[in-house]
Amino acid sequence: MGLFKRKKDKFALSAKELRRFDGKPIQYAVERIDGSEQVLGKNGGIIVLSDVIVVMCEAHEVFRCRIKGASVAELMSGNGVEISGVDDYTEKVRSVTAHYSYYRK
């Protein structure tokens, strides 16, 4: 009946759910440090590769983390996504919020 089933990690996203964020254009990316927001960059996108999540702004990589230890959550407004994880370059835990850009068709 499932008494000894493995519990799913409620913060882990499947590859299908992560693909939803791949290629999304972003208006700007911010990081909250000690209660204040620091703008990392503007006009970029989110790239999801086989094992990493990358946030690019103005052709510069502002954040890169491994999927395995990352936490990805969409904002309640639906206007962005918050990505938390260990940055590959600084080896520190960072939390970056990327706000989507919408274009009228």
C-alpha atoms as a PDB file:
ATOM      1  CA  MET A   1       0.000   0.000   0.000  1.00  0.00           C
ATOM      2  CA  GLY A   2       2.942   2.308  -0.028  1.00  0.00           C
ATOM      3  CA  LEU A   3       4.125   2.413   3.569  1.00  0.00           C
ATOM      4  CA  PHE A   4       7.769   2.312   2.576  1.00  0.00           C
ATOM      5  CA  LYS A   5       7.685   4.476  -0.543  1.00  0.00           C
ATOM      6  CA  ARG A   6      10.395   7.019  -1.121  1.00  0.00           C
ATOM      7  CA  LYS A   7       9.153  10.513  -0.467  1.00  0.00           C
ATOM      8  CA  LYS A   8       9.463  12.941  -3.355  1.00  0.00           C
ATOM      9  CA  ASP A   9      11.433  16.104  -2.805  1.00  0.00           C
ATOM     10  CA  LYS A  10       8.760  18.797  -2.955  1.00  0.00           C
ATOM     11  CA  PHE A  11      11.251  21.376  -4.259  1.00  0.00           C
ATOM     12  CA  ALA A  12      12.748  19.221  -7.024  1.00  0.00           C
ATOM     13  CA  LEU A  13      11.475  19.918 -10.514  1.00  0.00           C
ATOM     14  CA  SER A  14      11.342  17.397 -13.298  1.00  0.00           C
ATOM     15  CA  ALA A  15      13.077  17.987 -16.615  1.00  0.00           C
ATOM     16  CA  LYS A  16       9.715  18.684 -18.248  1.00  0.00           C
ATOM     17  CA  GLU A  17       8.905  21.431 -15.729  1.00  0.00           C
ATOM     18  CA  LEU A  18      12.348  22.996 -16.132  1.00  0.00           C
ATOM     19  CA  ARG A  19      11.997  23.082 -19.933  1.00  0.00           C
ATOM     20  CA  ARG A  20       9.107  25.493 -19.422  1.00  0.00           C
ATOM     21  CA  PHE A  21      11.618  28.155 -18.311  1.00  0.00           C
ATOM     22  CA  ASP A  22      14.122  27.476 -21.105  1.00  0.00           C
ATOM     23  CA  GLY A  23      14.351  30.341 -23.573  1.00  0.00           C
ATOM     24  CA  LYS A  24      12.135  32.720 -21.591  1.00  0.00           C
ATOM     25  CA  PRO A  25      13.125  36.339 -22.210  1.00  0.00           C
ATOM     26  CA  ILE A  26      13.676  38.375 -19.058  1.00  0.00           C
ATOM     27  CA  GLN A  27      13.432  42.105 -18.545  1.00  0.00           C
ATOM     28  CA  TYR A  28      15.863  42.172 -15.637  1.00  0.00           C
ATOM     29  CA  ALA A  29      17.440  39.968 -12.963  1.00  0.00           C
ATOM     30  CA  VAL A  30      17.920  40.962  -9.329  1.00  0.00           C
ATOM     31  CA  GLU A  31      19.541  39.451  -6.253  1.00  0.00           C
ATOM     32  CA  ARG A  32      18.424  40.276  -2.729  1.00  0.00           C
ATOM     33  CA  ILE A  33      21.386  40.972  -0.452  1.00  0.00           C
ATOM     34  CA  ASP A  34      20.803  42.003   3.181  1.00  0.00           C
ATOM     35  CA  GLY A  35      17.282  43.279   2.528  1.00  0.00           C
ATOM     36  CA  SER A  36      18.094  45.358  -0.546  1.00  0.00           C
ATOM     37  CA  GLU A  37      17.812  44.331  -4.182  1.00  0.00           C
ATOM     38  CA  GLN A  38      20.829  44.574  -6.446  1.00  0.00           C
ATOM     39  CA  VAL A  39      20.145  44.608 -10.194  1.00  0.00           C
ATOM     40  CA  LEU A  40      22.382  42.053 -11.902  1.00  0.00           C
ATOM     41  CA  GLY A  41      21.427  42.953 -15.456  1.00  0.00           C
ATOM     42  CA  LYS A  42      18.706  43.753 -17.965  1.00  0.00           C
ATOM     43  CA  ASN A  43      17.424  42.300 -21.260  1.00  0.00           C
ATOM     44  CA  GLY A  44      18.387  38.663 -21.195  1.00  0.00           C
ATOM     45  CA  GLY A  45      17.054  35.162 -20.933  1.00  0.00           C
ATOM     46  CA  ILE A  46      17.000  31.904 -19.003  1.00  0.00           C
ATOM     47  CA  ILE A  47      18.799  28.883 -20.430  1.00  0.00           C
ATOM     48  CA  VAL A  48      18.253  25.361 -19.110  1.00  0.00           C
ATOM     49  CA  LEU A  49      20.910  22.877 -20.245  1.00  0.00           C
ATOM     50  CA  SER A  50      21.172  19.196 -19.363  1.00  0.00           C
ATOM     51  CA  ASP A  51      22.677  19.805 -15.918  1.00  0.00           C
ATOM     52  CA  VAL A  52      22.794  23.598 -15.336  1.00  0.00           C
ATOM     53  CA  ILE A  53      20.517  26.629 -15.219  1.00  0.00           C
ATOM     54  CA  VAL A  54      21.997  29.846 -16.624  1.00  0.00           C
ATOM     55  CA  VAL A  55      20.671  33.411 -16.355  1.00  0.00           C
ATOM     56  CA  MET A  56      22.053  35.679 -19.080  1.00  0.00           C
ATOM     57  CA  CYS A  57      21.730  39.482 -19.214  1.00  0.00           C
ATOM     58  CA  GLU A  58      23.046  41.642 -22.057  1.00  0.00           C
ATOM     59  CA  ALA A  59      25.169  38.743 -23.385  1.00  0.00           C
ATOM     60  CA  HIS A  60      26.817  38.225 -19.973  1.00  0.00           C
ATOM     61  CA  GLU A  61      26.312  35.277 -17.678  1.00  0.00           C
ATOM     62  CA  VAL A  62      25.127  36.635 -14.318  1.00  0.00           C
ATOM     63  CA  PHE A  63      24.212  33.349 -12.593  1.00  0.00           C
ATOM     64  CA  ARG A  64      24.909  29.653 -13.178  1.00  0.00           C
ATOM     65  CA  CYS A  65      23.991  26.762 -10.902  1.00  0.00           C
ATOM     66  CA  ARG A  66      23.592  23.008 -11.080  1.00  0.00           C
ATOM     67  CA  ILE A  67      20.080  21.630 -11.450  1.00  0.00           C
ATOM     68  CA  LYS A  68      20.691  18.951  -8.829  1.00  0.00           C
ATOM     69  CA  GLY A  69      20.955  21.364  -5.892  1.00  0.00           C
ATOM     70  CA  ALA A  70      18.774  24.144  -7.265  1.00  0.00           C
ATOM     71  CA  SER A  71      15.356  25.328  -6.172  1.00  0.00           C
ATOM     72  CA  VAL A  72      13.198  26.928  -8.887  1.00  0.00           C
ATOM     73  CA  ALA A  73       9.872  28.583  -8.073  1.00  0.00           C
ATOM     74  CA  GLU A  74       7.632  30.778 -10.180  1.00  0.00           C
ATOM     75  CA  LEU A  75       6.465  34.029  -8.598  1.00  0.00           C
ATOM     76  CA  MET A  76       2.829  34.081  -7.487  1.00  0.00           C
ATOM     77  CA  SER A  77       2.099  36.875  -9.955  1.00  0.00           C
ATOM     78  CA  GLY A  78       3.457  34.744 -12.791  1.00  0.00           C
ATOM     79  CA  ASN A  79       5.748  37.589 -13.857  1.00  0.00           C
ATOM     80  CA  GLY A  80       9.019  35.878 -13.033  1.00  0.00           C
ATOM     81  CA  VAL A  81      10.923  33.037 -11.454  1.00  0.00           C
ATOM     82  CA  GLU A  82      13.188  32.715  -8.414  1.00  0.00           C
ATOM     83  CA  ILE A  83      16.207  30.454  -8.785  1.00  0.00           C
ATOM     84  CA  SER A  84      18.235  29.479  -5.717  1.00  0.00           C
ATOM     85  CA  GLY A  85      21.349  27.363  -5.690  1.00  0.00           C
ATOM     86  CA  VAL A  86      25.103  27.226  -5.340  1.00  0.00           C
ATOM     87  CA  ASP A  87      26.740  29.485  -7.924  1.00  0.00           C
ATOM     88  CA  ASP A  88      29.348  27.594  -9.957  1.00  0.00           C
ATOM     89  CA  TYR A  89      31.818  30.486  -9.924  1.00  0.00           C
ATOM     90  CA  THR A  90      31.623  31.883  -6.388  1.00  0.00           C
ATOM     91  CA  GLU A  91      30.628  28.594  -4.661  1.00  0.00           C
ATOM     92  CA  LYS A  92      28.144  30.571  -2.547  1.00  0.00           C
ATOM     93  CA  VAL A  93      24.401  30.011  -2.215  1.00  0.00           C
ATOM     94  CA  ARG A  94      22.631  32.720  -4.206  1.00  0.00           C
ATOM     95  CA  SER A  95      18.996  33.532  -4.849  1.00  0.00           C
ATOM     96  CA  VAL A  96      18.275  35.312  -8.137  1.00  0.00           C
ATOM     97  CA  THR A  97      14.871  36.604  -9.232  1.00  0.00           C
ATOM     98  CA  ALA A  98      14.363  36.944 -12.983  1.00  0.00           C
ATOM     99  CA  HIS A  99      11.404  39.065 -14.109  1.00  0.00           C
ATOM    100  CA  TYR A 100       9.912  38.081 -17.478  1.00  0.00           C
ATOM    101  CA  SER A 101       9.474  40.529 -20.317  1.00  0.00           C
ATOM    102  CA  TYR A 102       6.275  40.398 -22.316  1.00  0.00           C
ATOM    103  CA  TYR A 103       5.869  41.587 -25.852  1.00  0.00           C
ATOM    104  CA  ARG A 104       2.568  42.525 -27.415  1.00  0.00           C
ATOM    105  CA  LYS A 105       1.743  40.590 -30.523  1.00  0.00           C
END
